[in-house]
Amino acid sequence: MTTQPHEPPAEQIAVDWSWTASEQEWIPPEIDIAKPSAARMYDYALGGKDNFAIDRQAVHEVGRVIPDLQACAQANRGFLIRAVNALAELGVEQFIDLGSGIPTSPNVHEVAQQMRPGAKVVYVDNDPIVMTYNRALRAPRPGVLALDHDLRQPHGILDDPRLKAHLDQDRPVGLLFIAVLHFVRREMAIKVVEQYRRLLPAGSYLAISAICSEGMEPASVELLEKVYDSSPTPLVVRSRSQVEQLFDGTELIEPGLVDVTQWRNDGNFLPIRILSGVGKIV
């Protein structure tokens, strides 16, 4: 199997990894293609090929009301790239990408290692298809580790012997929650982030992006939640104050908590509001 990497602008990222001519030939038996997957939907919205008809149908359902869904996915990806760059500039050389999703170039390790050649990255996900790709495309890379874990279990991840052997436990970590906490229940997400915050080394950072109801039409919020209700990962749309809670115990770096289109960027606002920020743990 081969990959065909692309090098588009950071704000218009796409990937075209054609694993085989027939979808049915490469579907691992544990993958349920009868229900849409958030990871595969996101892959399709980014222009990827690693998705199925059920995922494309779900994205098109959202697109009936939110035609710029692909632009929203790309804007969120752009925030990830800029956040990793910002953290690398601050001296961070270790990253944990929670809910990493299907590989899309440039990946976290590609961005971080461009500025910090010795940077190390841990990709964490528990979606079977994501892990299939992680093992094939990410894990063989220098400085990269892929782990099959549920991000809602911080101790299980941070106490994993493989992670401990891969990362320096005394150096800061950039912990990435990119477009993933809106798949975790409101109160649980606050507790989960708090646990990570207490367990990470001093000087670590959190980077978070999450869908926010502020500035969105109620009908759009209702549709988003309805579409994802049929998936294994129902969607939670938060108010601004609920997104702010996720950053408790941190000091936000400039420009604070803003839409992904505006975080160290001059993009146009999109129909789906995704708030984003990077905070240093205090």
Protein backbone atom coordinates (compact mmCIF):
# COMPACT_ATOMS: atom_id res chain seq x y z
CA MET A 1 0.00 0.00 0.00
CA THR A 2 1.27 3.45 -0.85
CA THR A 3 0.40 6.97 0.13
CA GLN A 4 0.19 10.03 -2.06
CA PRO A 5 0.90 13.05 0.14
CA HIS A 6 -0.31 16.51 -0.78
CA GLU A 7 1.22 19.86 0.09
CA PRO A 8 -1.70 22.33 0.01
CA PRO A 9 -1.80 25.58 1.99
CA ALA A 10 -2.28 25.07 5.72
CA GLU A 11 -5.87 26.32 5.56
CA GLN A 12 -6.86 24.01 2.67
CA ILE A 13 -5.58 20.63 3.69
CA ALA A 14 -6.61 17.52 1.83
CA VAL A 15 -5.37 13.98 1.69
CA ASP A 16 -5.85 11.28 -0.90
CA TRP A 17 -4.63 7.97 0.43
CA SER A 18 -6.19 5.33 -1.82
CA TRP A 19 -5.64 2.07 -0.03
CA THR A 20 -7.42 -0.07 -2.58
CA ALA A 21 -9.84 0.16 -5.43
CA SER A 22 -12.59 -1.59 -3.48
CA GLU A 23 -13.74 -0.46 -0.04
CA GLN A 24 -14.87 -3.96 0.90
CA GLU A 25 -11.37 -5.41 0.44
CA TRP A 26 -9.78 -3.44 3.27
CA ILE A 27 -12.49 -3.05 5.93
CA PRO A 28 -11.25 -4.62 9.18
CA PRO A 29 -13.92 -6.94 10.62
CA GLU A 30 -14.36 -4.88 13.82
CA ILE A 31 -15.43 -1.77 11.89
CA ASP A 32 -19.17 -1.11 11.76
CA ILE A 33 -20.07 0.52 8.45
CA ALA A 34 -23.78 0.49 9.23
CA LYS A 35 -23.39 3.63 11.35
CA PRO A 36 -21.58 6.88 10.55
CA SER A 37 -18.27 7.45 12.30
CA ALA A 38 -17.23 10.91 13.50
CA ALA A 39 -13.64 10.22 12.39
CA ARG A 40 -14.70 9.11 8.90
CA MET A 41 -17.15 12.01 8.56
CA TYR A 42 -14.35 14.42 9.43
CA ASP A 43 -12.09 12.68 6.93
CA TYR A 44 -14.71 13.14 4.20
CA ALA A 45 -15.24 16.80 5.14
CA LEU A 46 -11.47 17.32 4.76
CA GLY A 47 -11.60 15.80 1.29
CA GLY A 48 -10.22 12.40 2.30
CA LYS A 49 -11.04 9.02 0.79
CA ASP A 50 -11.14 6.88 3.92
CA ASN A 51 -14.88 6.89 4.54
CA PHE A 52 -18.01 5.01 3.53
CA ALA A 53 -21.39 5.79 2.03
CA ILE A 54 -23.01 6.06 5.47
CA ASP A 55 -20.45 8.71 6.48
CA ARG A 56 -20.88 10.69 3.27
CA GLN A 57 -24.65 10.58 3.65
CA ALA A 58 -24.39 11.97 7.20
CA VAL A 59 -22.12 14.80 6.03
CA HIS A 60 -24.53 15.63 3.20
CA GLU A 61 -27.41 15.75 5.69
CA VAL A 62 -25.55 18.40 7.66
CA GLY A 63 -24.64 20.13 4.40
CA ARG A 64 -28.30 20.72 3.57
CA VAL A 65 -28.38 23.36 6.30
CA ILE A 66 -24.64 24.07 6.67
CA PRO A 67 -23.19 24.13 3.15
CA ASP A 68 -19.73 25.22 4.34
CA LEU A 69 -19.07 22.10 6.42
CA GLN A 70 -15.88 21.31 4.51
CA ALA A 71 -14.58 24.82 5.13
CA CYS A 72 -15.35 24.39 8.84
CA ALA A 73 -13.34 21.16 8.97
CA GLN A 74 -10.44 22.80 7.15
CA ALA A 75 -10.55 25.83 9.47
CA ASN A 76 -10.36 23.55 12.48
CA ARG A 77 -7.42 21.71 10.95
CA GLY A 78 -5.75 25.05 10.35
CA PHE A 79 -6.07 25.85 14.05
CA LEU A 80 -4.38 22.55 14.92
CA ILE A 81 -1.41 23.41 12.71
CA ARG A 82 -1.05 26.94 14.08
CA ALA A 83 -1.43 25.74 17.68
CA VAL A 84 1.29 23.11 17.27
CA ASN A 85 3.54 25.68 15.63
CA ALA A 86 2.90 28.12 18.48
CA LEU A 87 3.72 25.50 21.10
CA ALA A 88 6.87 24.46 19.27
CA GLU A 89 7.93 28.11 19.22
CA LEU A 90 7.42 28.16 23.00
CA GLY A 91 9.84 25.25 23.30
CA VAL A 92 7.39 22.34 23.57
CA GLU A 93 8.86 19.18 22.04
CA GLN A 94 6.35 16.59 23.25
CA PHE A 95 2.75 16.29 22.10
CA ILE A 96 -0.17 14.02 22.87
CA ASP A 97 -2.93 14.17 20.25
CA LEU A 98 -6.14 12.84 21.82
CA GLY A 99 -8.76 11.56 19.40
CA SER A 100 -6.21 11.98 16.63
CA GLY A 101 -8.49 10.85 13.80
CA ILE A 102 -7.55 9.45 10.41
CA PRO A 103 -4.08 10.69 9.36
CA THR A 104 -4.21 13.91 7.35
CA SER A 105 -1.03 15.58 6.17
CA PRO A 106 0.51 17.62 7.62
CA ASN A 107 0.15 15.55 10.76
CA VAL A 108 1.12 16.80 14.22
CA HIS A 109 4.53 15.15 14.07
CA GLU A 110 5.24 16.69 10.66
CA VAL A 111 4.40 20.18 11.91
CA ALA A 112 6.25 19.84 15.22
CA GLN A 113 9.34 18.20 13.75
CA GLN A 114 9.69 20.87 11.11
CA MET A 115 10.52 23.33 13.90
CA ARG A 116 11.75 20.84 16.51
CA PRO A 117 13.40 17.91 14.68
CA GLY A 118 13.56 15.88 17.89
CA ALA A 119 9.88 16.39 18.75
CA LYS A 120 7.95 13.35 19.93
CA VAL A 121 4.25 12.74 19.38
CA VAL A 122 1.77 10.25 20.82
CA TYR A 123 -1.41 9.70 18.81
CA VAL A 124 -4.32 8.36 20.85
CA ASP A 125 -7.61 7.04 19.48
CA ASN A 126 -9.96 4.11 20.01
CA ASP A 127 -11.72 4.06 16.64
CA PRO A 128 -10.71 0.78 14.89
CA ILE A 129 -10.27 2.36 11.48
CA VAL A 130 -8.21 5.22 12.92
CA MET A 131 -5.92 2.78 14.67
CA THR A 132 -5.52 0.78 11.46
CA TYR A 133 -4.23 3.91 9.73
CA ASN A 134 -2.22 5.08 12.75
CA ARG A 135 -0.27 1.84 12.84
CA ALA A 136 0.33 1.85 9.09
CA LEU A 137 1.07 5.52 8.43
CA ARG A 138 2.03 7.21 11.69
CA ALA A 139 3.61 4.67 14.01
CA PRO A 140 6.59 3.83 11.70
CA ARG A 141 7.72 7.49 11.76
CA PRO A 142 10.64 8.57 13.99
CA GLY A 143 9.49 10.00 17.30
CA VAL A 144 5.91 8.78 16.83
CA LEU A 145 3.84 6.42 18.99
CA ALA A 146 0.23 5.36 18.35
CA LEU A 147 -1.87 4.08 21.25
CA ASP A 148 -5.34 2.54 21.34
CA HIS A 149 -7.05 4.23 24.31
CA ASP A 150 -10.24 6.04 25.27
CA LEU A 151 -9.35 9.70 25.94
CA ARG A 152 -11.89 9.71 28.80
CA GLN A 153 -9.43 7.61 30.85
CA PRO A 154 -6.47 9.94 31.56
CA HIS A 155 -4.72 7.59 34.00
CA GLY A 156 -4.87 4.71 31.54
CA ILE A 157 -3.18 6.83 28.89
CA LEU A 158 -0.59 8.68 30.96
CA ASP A 159 0.31 5.55 32.96
CA ASP A 160 0.75 3.41 29.84
CA PRO A 161 4.34 2.06 29.99
CA ARG A 162 4.76 2.68 26.26
CA LEU A 163 3.93 6.36 26.65
CA LYS A 164 6.20 6.66 29.68
CA ALA A 165 9.07 5.14 27.72
CA HIS A 166 8.40 7.42 24.74
CA LEU A 167 8.07 10.78 26.52
CA ASP A 168 10.22 12.52 29.13
CA GLN A 169 8.01 12.63 32.22
CA ASP A 170 9.72 15.76 33.53
CA ARG A 171 9.30 17.95 30.45
CA PRO A 172 6.25 19.94 29.30
CA VAL A 173 3.67 18.37 27.01
CA GLY A 174 1.34 19.95 24.49
CA LEU A 175 -1.96 18.12 25.03
CA LEU A 176 -4.27 18.43 22.02
CA PHE A 177 -8.07 18.14 22.27
CA ILE A 178 -8.84 19.16 18.70
CA ALA A 179 -12.53 18.85 17.74
CA VAL A 180 -12.98 15.95 20.13
CA LEU A 181 -14.46 17.21 23.41
CA HIS A 182 -17.80 17.87 21.73
CA PHE A 183 -18.10 14.08 21.69
CA VAL A 184 -17.77 13.89 25.49
CA ARG A 185 -20.64 14.69 27.87
CA ARG A 186 -20.49 18.22 29.31
CA GLU A 187 -19.77 17.41 32.95
CA MET A 188 -17.55 14.45 32.14
CA ALA A 189 -15.39 16.55 29.80
CA ILE A 190 -14.70 19.08 32.56
CA LYS A 191 -13.58 16.31 34.92
CA VAL A 192 -11.52 14.56 32.25
CA VAL A 193 -9.62 17.74 31.31
CA GLU A 194 -9.07 18.50 34.99
CA GLN A 195 -7.49 15.08 35.53
CA TYR A 196 -5.11 15.56 32.63
CA ARG A 197 -4.23 19.01 33.93
CA ARG A 198 -3.26 17.60 37.32
CA LEU A 199 -1.26 14.72 35.87
CA LEU A 200 0.80 16.54 33.24
CA PRO A 201 4.31 17.88 33.93
CA ALA A 202 4.74 21.49 35.01
CA GLY A 203 4.76 23.97 32.15
CA SER A 204 2.45 21.89 29.95
CA TYR A 205 -0.22 23.34 27.66
CA LEU A 206 -3.74 22.43 26.57
CA ALA A 207 -4.98 23.17 23.05
CA ILE A 208 -8.75 22.80 22.67
CA SER A 209 -11.29 23.39 19.92
CA ALA A 210 -14.97 22.64 20.49
CA ILE A 211 -18.23 23.45 18.76
CA CYS A 212 -20.05 26.36 20.39
CA SER A 213 -23.68 27.45 20.05
CA GLU A 214 -22.75 31.13 20.19
CA GLY A 215 -23.52 32.79 16.86
CA MET A 216 -25.20 29.67 15.45
CA GLU A 217 -28.81 29.33 14.39
CA PRO A 218 -30.79 27.04 16.76
CA ALA A 219 -31.89 24.99 13.73
CA SER A 220 -28.25 24.35 12.82
CA VAL A 221 -27.44 23.22 16.35
CA GLU A 222 -30.46 20.89 16.35
CA LEU A 223 -29.49 19.39 13.01
CA LEU A 224 -25.90 18.77 14.03
CA GLU A 225 -26.95 16.97 17.18
CA LYS A 226 -29.59 14.95 15.30
CA VAL A 227 -27.18 13.72 12.63
CA TYR A 228 -24.58 12.62 15.18
CA ASP A 229 -27.23 10.92 17.35
CA SER A 230 -27.11 8.01 14.91
CA SER A 231 -23.37 7.61 15.35
CA PRO A 232 -21.52 5.91 18.25
CA THR A 233 -20.35 9.41 19.32
CA PRO A 234 -23.30 11.78 19.90
CA LEU A 235 -22.46 15.47 19.57
CA VAL A 236 -22.52 17.97 22.46
CA VAL A 237 -22.79 21.64 21.50
CA ARG A 238 -21.60 23.92 24.32
CA SER A 239 -22.26 27.53 25.21
CA ARG A 240 -19.27 29.89 25.34
CA SER A 241 -19.15 29.74 29.14
CA GLN A 242 -19.14 25.92 28.98
CA VAL A 243 -16.18 25.98 26.58
CA GLU A 244 -14.41 28.45 28.88
CA GLN A 245 -14.80 25.96 31.75
CA LEU A 246 -12.61 23.52 29.85
CA PHE A 247 -9.71 25.98 30.27
CA ASP A 248 -10.06 26.31 34.04
CA GLY A 249 -6.64 26.16 35.68
CA THR A 250 -4.82 27.53 32.63
CA GLU A 251 -3.67 30.91 31.38
CA LEU A 252 -4.72 31.45 27.79
CA ILE A 253 -2.02 32.65 25.44
CA GLU A 254 -2.81 35.28 22.80
CA PRO A 255 -5.33 35.71 21.24
CA GLY A 256 -7.34 33.98 23.98
CA LEU A 257 -10.54 32.05 23.32
CA VAL A 258 -11.72 32.79 19.77
CA ASP A 259 -13.25 31.10 16.75
CA VAL A 260 -10.86 28.75 14.93
CA THR A 261 -10.96 31.08 11.94
CA GLN A 262 -9.54 33.86 14.12
CA TRP A 263 -6.88 32.09 16.20
CA ARG A 264 -3.68 33.77 14.94
CA ASN A 265 -5.43 33.98 11.62
CA ASP A 266 -7.61 36.35 9.63
CA GLY A 267 -10.25 34.00 8.24
CA ASN A 268 -13.96 34.55 7.71
CA PHE A 269 -16.48 33.31 10.24
CA LEU A 270 -18.30 30.13 9.20
CA PRO A 271 -21.78 28.74 9.97
CA ILE A 272 -20.45 26.30 12.58
CA ARG A 273 -18.77 28.15 15.42
CA ILE A 274 -15.77 26.29 16.80
CA LEU A 275 -14.13 28.05 19.73
CA SER A 276 -10.44 27.45 20.21
CA GLY A 277 -7.62 28.37 22.53
CA VAL A 278 -4.26 27.33 23.96
CA GLY A 279 -3.74 27.56 27.70
CA LYS A 280 -0.66 27.08 29.87
CA ILE A 281 -1.37 24.98 32.94
CA VAL A 282 -0.82 26.99 36.13
